[in-house]
Amino acid sequence: MPLSPARQSAAQTASSSGTNLLYVDQGYIYGNHPRGGVLIYTYPGDALVGQFTVSNPSYPPATTEGICSDARGDGFIEAEYYYGTTIYKYAHGGTSPIATLGDGGNGYANDCASDPATGSLAVVSRGSPGSGQANVAIFKHAKGTPTTYTDPAINAYYSCSYDNQGNLFIEGTEANGDVELAELPAGSSTFTNITLPKTFRYTGSVQWDGTYITISAASTIYRLTISGSTATIAGTTRVLGRTKPWTALTFIYQEQVIAPDGPERGEVGFWRYPSGGKPVKVIAANGVRGLYSATMSVAPKERR
């Protein structure tokens, strides 16, 4: 249900008071429930201080497909319409877009990541018949027209993350459904395909945790050490209490895993990282179902 005007304005108050904000978006079409919902919580504290719907006024509300943020605390939300994807940029605490990016002809986008070194924005798509080829679109400085890249080994792209050196890691699937991991090294236009230590059929997301590239599958997050084109498992984190297969995008922030529950109850769970186990807390999503991804919009005092 919508928030009252008093609570809705709390997002702006929180953003000006140096509070980190957790954005969670609605990425599944769930029955007759409304789509395009985005929730804003304080972090830590978990107070729901904002809620809005992503929509082009000329069309019905979008299905949001992936959300990410940059080092300045600005957020990017991929809005899927029947004609493709539009990417909206939001200021920290904002509920109205401050900029709009096209989808680069990449079909239906599914995730995004901001390069901490350059501020460039990577958007990956899974493609769709009639909507363009699946690809990776990179917007230099998160502006203008993107440069697009494809990897012949990957049929559809589902998740992406930059490490602290500006190397972009992509998770996608082959035509047979097996998961592939690839790296686009900083400054390169050619992917390096990485041999995974095991076969994955379903994954949630790929992410840099500050030390390792991680890949989540069902209820396990695998921490990977990558040497050249080969990945080995450095450790695992089991996040219990979620459904399988778990296809919502997990998000690692400092010493917590934060994840929506996917097309289920309308909740967001929190687990210790890297120890995992049962969730330390679960918060309700104000009646919003079909939650898909989350990102942390850092407050000005934490910006680097």
Protein backbone atom coordinates (compact mmCIF):
# COMPACT_ATOMS: atom_id res chain seq x y z
CA MET A 1 0.00 0.00 0.00
CA PRO A 2 1.24 3.56 -0.62
CA LEU A 3 2.98 5.41 2.17
CA SER A 4 1.45 8.49 3.72
CA PRO A 5 2.89 11.83 2.48
CA ALA A 6 4.58 12.28 5.87
CA ARG A 7 6.37 8.94 5.66
CA GLN A 8 7.09 9.37 1.95
CA SER A 9 8.96 12.63 2.62
CA ALA A 10 11.10 10.82 5.17
CA ALA A 11 13.33 9.53 2.37
CA GLN A 12 14.41 13.08 1.59
CA THR A 13 14.92 13.80 5.28
CA ALA A 14 17.02 10.66 5.69
CA SER A 15 19.10 11.48 2.62
CA SER A 16 19.98 14.93 3.96
CA SER A 17 20.86 13.60 7.40
CA GLY A 18 23.67 11.30 6.31
CA THR A 19 21.71 8.04 6.35
CA ASN A 20 22.46 5.13 4.03
CA LEU A 21 19.40 4.00 2.08
CA LEU A 22 18.56 0.52 0.86
CA TYR A 23 16.57 0.43 -2.39
CA VAL A 24 14.63 -2.74 -3.25
CA ASP A 25 12.79 -3.18 -6.53
CA GLN A 26 9.96 -5.33 -7.83
CA GLY A 27 11.17 -7.44 -10.74
CA TYR A 28 8.65 -10.26 -11.08
CA ILE A 29 5.19 -10.07 -12.57
CA TYR A 30 3.16 -11.67 -9.79
CA GLY A 31 -0.48 -12.41 -10.64
CA ASN A 32 -2.57 -9.27 -10.67
CA HIS A 33 -0.36 -7.39 -8.24
CA PRO A 34 0.86 -3.95 -9.33
CA ARG A 35 4.30 -3.78 -10.95
CA GLY A 36 7.16 -1.27 -11.00
CA GLY A 37 7.35 -0.78 -7.23
CA VAL A 38 10.49 0.46 -5.48
CA LEU A 39 10.92 0.57 -1.68
CA ILE A 40 13.43 2.68 0.27
CA TYR A 41 14.61 1.67 3.75
CA THR A 42 17.09 3.31 6.10
CA TYR A 43 20.24 1.26 6.70
CA PRO A 44 20.85 0.25 9.36
CA GLY A 45 17.49 0.66 11.02
CA ASP A 46 15.26 -0.77 8.28
CA ALA A 47 12.61 1.96 8.51
CA LEU A 48 10.51 2.14 5.36
CA VAL A 49 10.86 5.80 4.35
CA GLY A 50 9.98 5.82 0.67
CA GLN A 51 7.94 4.01 -1.94
CA PHE A 52 7.30 4.87 -5.57
CA THR A 53 6.36 3.34 -8.92
CA VAL A 54 8.64 3.44 -11.94
CA SER A 55 6.65 4.38 -15.03
CA ASN A 56 6.71 6.25 -18.29
CA PRO A 57 3.56 8.43 -18.21
CA SER A 58 2.73 7.23 -21.73
CA TYR A 59 2.70 3.55 -20.75
CA PRO A 60 1.54 1.31 -17.90
CA PRO A 61 3.95 0.89 -14.96
CA ALA A 62 7.18 -0.85 -15.86
CA THR A 63 8.53 -4.12 -14.59
CA THR A 64 11.77 -3.15 -12.92
CA GLU A 65 14.65 -5.47 -13.80
CA GLY A 66 17.77 -4.82 -11.77
CA ILE A 67 18.98 -1.91 -9.67
CA CYS A 68 22.47 -0.63 -8.80
CA SER A 69 24.19 2.44 -7.38
CA ASP A 70 27.43 4.33 -7.90
CA ALA A 71 30.06 5.68 -5.51
CA ARG A 72 28.17 8.98 -5.22
CA GLY A 73 25.04 7.26 -3.94
CA ASP A 74 23.07 7.79 -7.15
CA GLY A 75 20.89 4.84 -8.08
CA PHE A 76 20.02 3.31 -11.46
CA ILE A 77 16.83 1.37 -12.09
CA GLU A 78 16.14 -0.61 -15.27
CA ALA A 79 12.50 -0.32 -16.28
CA GLU A 80 11.18 -2.90 -18.71
CA TYR A 81 8.39 -1.92 -21.08
CA TYR A 82 7.01 -3.98 -23.94
CA TYR A 83 9.22 -2.00 -26.37
CA GLY A 84 12.46 -2.58 -24.42
CA THR A 85 14.25 -1.05 -21.43
CA THR A 86 14.72 2.47 -20.13
CA ILE A 87 17.30 3.18 -17.41
CA TYR A 88 16.40 5.85 -14.86
CA LYS A 89 18.91 7.59 -12.61
CA TYR A 90 17.90 8.71 -9.11
CA ALA A 91 19.75 10.91 -6.62
CA HIS A 92 20.35 9.57 -3.10
CA GLY A 93 16.94 9.56 -1.42
CA GLY A 94 15.19 10.56 -4.63
CA THR A 95 11.92 9.13 -5.90
CA SER A 96 11.86 10.97 -9.25
CA PRO A 97 14.50 10.38 -11.94
CA ILE A 98 17.16 13.02 -12.55
CA ALA A 99 18.34 11.49 -15.84
CA THR A 100 17.25 8.89 -18.38
CA LEU A 101 19.37 6.53 -20.47
CA GLY A 102 18.33 4.44 -23.45
CA ASP A 103 18.87 0.70 -23.39
CA GLY A 104 21.46 0.65 -26.19
CA GLY A 105 19.34 -1.71 -28.26
CA ASN A 106 20.04 -4.52 -25.87
CA GLY A 107 16.61 -6.07 -25.55
CA TYR A 108 15.44 -6.56 -21.97
CA ALA A 109 17.98 -5.52 -19.35
CA ASN A 110 18.41 -7.63 -16.24
CA ASP A 111 21.14 -6.09 -14.04
CA CYS A 112 23.59 -3.20 -13.87
CA ALA A 113 26.83 -2.22 -12.15
CA SER A 114 28.82 0.99 -11.70
CA ASP A 115 32.60 1.05 -12.21
CA PRO A 116 34.10 2.53 -9.01
CA ALA A 117 37.19 3.62 -10.95
CA THR A 118 35.53 5.55 -13.79
CA GLY A 119 31.84 5.92 -12.97
CA SER A 120 30.86 4.06 -16.14
CA LEU A 121 27.63 2.07 -16.03
CA ALA A 122 27.37 -1.51 -17.34
CA VAL A 123 23.94 -2.91 -18.22
CA VAL A 124 23.42 -6.57 -19.13
CA SER A 125 20.42 -7.98 -20.95
CA ARG A 126 18.89 -11.37 -21.47
CA GLY A 127 17.47 -10.37 -24.86
CA SER A 128 14.02 -11.18 -26.19
CA PRO A 129 12.62 -12.14 -29.58
CA GLY A 130 12.03 -8.97 -31.59
CA SER A 131 13.61 -6.70 -28.96
CA GLY A 132 17.28 -6.91 -29.89
CA GLN A 133 20.24 -9.17 -29.23
CA ALA A 134 21.34 -9.86 -25.69
CA ASN A 135 24.50 -7.91 -24.95
CA VAL A 136 26.48 -5.83 -22.48
CA ALA A 137 26.04 -2.06 -22.84
CA ILE A 138 28.57 0.24 -21.17
CA PHE A 139 27.71 3.92 -20.73
CA LYS A 140 30.89 5.96 -20.29
CA HIS A 141 30.48 8.09 -17.14
CA ALA A 142 26.87 6.81 -17.07
CA LYS A 143 25.89 9.14 -19.90
CA GLY A 144 25.13 9.22 -23.60
CA THR A 145 25.12 6.33 -26.03
CA PRO A 146 26.66 3.07 -24.81
CA THR A 147 29.26 0.87 -26.40
CA THR A 148 27.91 -2.66 -26.69
CA TYR A 149 29.77 -5.95 -26.36
CA THR A 150 28.86 -9.58 -26.88
CA ASP A 151 30.44 -12.87 -25.89
CA PRO A 152 29.85 -15.74 -28.36
CA ALA A 153 29.82 -18.22 -25.47
CA ILE A 154 26.91 -16.52 -23.70
CA ASN A 155 23.36 -16.60 -25.01
CA ALA A 156 21.75 -14.37 -22.35
CA TYR A 157 23.28 -12.14 -19.68
CA TYR A 158 21.74 -12.02 -16.21
CA SER A 159 24.08 -10.32 -13.74
CA CYS A 160 27.24 -8.20 -13.62
CA SER A 161 29.69 -6.63 -11.17
CA TYR A 162 32.87 -4.57 -11.28
CA ASP A 163 35.80 -5.33 -9.00
CA ASN A 164 37.91 -2.57 -7.46
CA GLN A 165 40.22 -2.49 -10.51
CA GLY A 166 37.48 -1.75 -13.03
CA ASN A 167 37.29 -5.31 -14.39
CA LEU A 168 33.73 -6.27 -15.30
CA PHE A 169 32.44 -9.76 -14.51
CA ILE A 170 29.41 -11.12 -16.33
CA GLU A 171 27.21 -14.08 -15.43
CA GLY A 172 24.95 -15.55 -18.09
CA THR A 173 23.84 -18.79 -19.71
CA GLU A 174 24.74 -20.84 -22.73
CA ALA A 175 22.02 -21.89 -25.13
CA ASN A 176 21.66 -25.18 -23.18
CA GLY A 177 21.06 -23.31 -19.92
CA ASP A 178 24.43 -23.93 -18.26
CA VAL A 179 25.85 -20.91 -16.44
CA GLU A 180 28.87 -19.10 -17.86
CA LEU A 181 31.14 -16.57 -16.15
CA ALA A 182 33.20 -14.10 -18.17
CA GLU A 183 35.46 -11.13 -17.49
CA LEU A 184 35.81 -7.96 -19.54
CA PRO A 185 39.17 -6.65 -18.29
CA ALA A 186 39.50 -2.91 -17.76
CA GLY A 187 40.40 -1.25 -21.05
CA SER A 188 39.66 -4.38 -23.12
CA SER A 189 36.92 -5.04 -25.66
CA THR A 190 37.27 -8.83 -25.55
CA PHE A 191 35.79 -11.17 -22.97
CA THR A 192 37.79 -13.81 -21.14
CA ASN A 193 35.61 -16.85 -20.50
CA ILE A 194 36.25 -18.37 -17.08
CA THR A 195 36.08 -22.07 -16.39
CA LEU A 196 33.89 -22.63 -13.34
CA PRO A 197 34.74 -25.33 -10.76
CA LYS A 198 31.32 -26.93 -11.13
CA THR A 199 28.28 -26.82 -13.37
CA PHE A 200 25.55 -24.38 -12.37
CA ARG A 201 22.04 -24.44 -13.81
CA TYR A 202 20.52 -21.59 -11.82
CA THR A 203 22.26 -18.60 -10.31
CA GLY A 204 21.12 -15.45 -8.59
CA SER A 205 23.92 -12.97 -9.11
CA VAL A 206 27.62 -12.29 -9.50
CA GLN A 207 29.21 -9.69 -7.19
CA TRP A 208 32.54 -8.38 -5.96
CA ASP A 209 32.56 -8.61 -2.15
CA GLY A 210 35.75 -6.60 -1.66
CA THR A 211 38.03 -9.63 -1.84
CA TYR A 212 36.39 -12.25 -4.06
CA ILE A 213 34.09 -12.47 -7.03
CA THR A 214 31.02 -14.29 -5.75
CA ILE A 215 28.35 -16.22 -7.58
CA SER A 216 25.12 -17.29 -5.91
CA ALA A 217 23.23 -20.47 -6.76
CA ALA A 218 20.08 -21.58 -4.92
CA SER A 219 20.93 -21.05 -1.22
CA THR A 220 24.74 -20.93 -1.56
CA ILE A 221 27.09 -18.07 -2.35
CA TYR A 222 30.42 -19.25 -3.76
CA ARG A 223 33.52 -17.12 -3.23
CA LEU A 224 35.81 -17.56 -6.21
CA THR A 225 39.53 -17.10 -6.69
CA ILE A 226 40.22 -16.40 -10.35
CA SER A 227 43.58 -17.07 -11.98
CA GLY A 228 43.66 -16.31 -15.69
CA SER A 229 40.66 -18.13 -17.12
CA THR A 230 40.11 -20.57 -14.24
CA ALA A 231 38.03 -20.13 -11.08
CA THR A 232 38.41 -22.13 -7.89
CA ILE A 233 36.16 -22.09 -4.83
CA ALA A 234 37.75 -20.22 -1.92
CA GLY A 235 34.75 -20.60 0.39
CA THR A 236 30.97 -20.85 0.56
CA THR A 237 28.18 -19.09 2.41
CA ARG A 238 24.88 -20.88 2.98
CA VAL A 239 21.89 -18.57 3.29
CA LEU A 240 19.07 -20.64 4.77
CA GLY A 241 15.37 -19.99 4.76
CA ARG A 242 14.85 -19.06 1.11
CA THR A 243 13.09 -20.93 -1.68
CA LYS A 244 14.85 -22.88 -4.45
CA PRO A 245 15.76 -22.15 -7.16
CA TRP A 246 16.48 -18.66 -5.84
CA THR A 247 16.72 -16.33 -8.81
CA ALA A 248 16.39 -12.95 -7.09
CA LEU A 249 19.67 -11.02 -7.06
CA THR A 250 21.61 -11.19 -3.80
CA PHE A 251 23.45 -8.09 -2.64
CA ILE A 252 26.50 -8.12 -0.37
CA TYR A 253 27.17 -5.01 1.68
CA GLN A 254 30.00 -5.02 4.21
CA GLU A 255 29.26 -8.00 6.48
CA GLN A 256 25.72 -8.76 5.36
CA VAL A 257 23.94 -10.51 2.52
CA ILE A 258 20.75 -8.66 1.65
CA ALA A 259 18.24 -10.33 -0.63
CA PRO A 260 14.61 -10.08 -1.69
CA ASP A 261 12.70 -13.35 -1.56
CA GLY A 262 11.81 -13.38 -5.24
CA PRO A 263 8.21 -14.15 -6.28
CA GLU A 264 7.17 -15.21 -2.82
CA ARG A 265 5.99 -13.52 0.37
CA GLY A 266 7.07 -9.91 -0.14
CA GLU A 267 10.01 -9.77 2.28
CA VAL A 268 13.69 -8.81 2.39
CA GLY A 269 16.11 -11.04 4.29
CA PHE A 270 19.45 -10.27 5.93
CA TRP A 271 22.22 -12.80 6.67
CA ARG A 272 25.67 -12.54 8.20
CA TYR A 273 28.46 -12.63 5.64
CA PRO A 274 30.45 -14.74 5.16
CA SER A 275 29.17 -17.02 7.94
CA GLY A 276 25.61 -17.28 6.56
CA GLY A 277 23.12 -19.58 8.28
CA LYS A 278 19.62 -18.46 9.17
CA PRO A 279 18.59 -14.85 8.49
CA VAL A 280 19.34 -12.44 11.31
CA LYS A 281 16.21 -10.52 10.37
CA VAL A 282 13.45 -10.36 7.78
CA ILE A 283 11.55 -7.17 7.01
CA ALA A 284 8.19 -6.82 5.31
CA ALA A 285 7.84 -5.04 1.97
CA ASN A 286 4.62 -3.13 2.65
CA GLY A 287 2.54 -5.51 0.58
CA VAL A 288 4.80 -5.40 -2.48
CA ARG A 289 5.31 -8.84 -4.07
CA GLY A 290 7.78 -10.09 -6.66
CA LEU A 291 10.90 -8.44 -5.21
CA TYR A 292 13.98 -8.91 -7.38
CA SER A 293 17.07 -6.88 -6.49
CA ALA A 294 18.55 -4.43 -4.00
CA THR A 295 21.28 -1.82 -3.79
CA MET A 296 22.80 0.46 -1.17
CA SER A 297 22.71 4.19 -1.81
CA VAL A 298 25.52 5.49 0.37
CA ALA A 299 25.11 8.68 2.34
CA PRO A 300 27.35 11.70 1.61
CA LYS A 301 29.45 11.10 4.74
CA GLU A 302 30.53 7.71 3.32
CA ARG A 303 31.27 8.83 -0.21
CA ARG A 304 34.80 8.37 -1.42
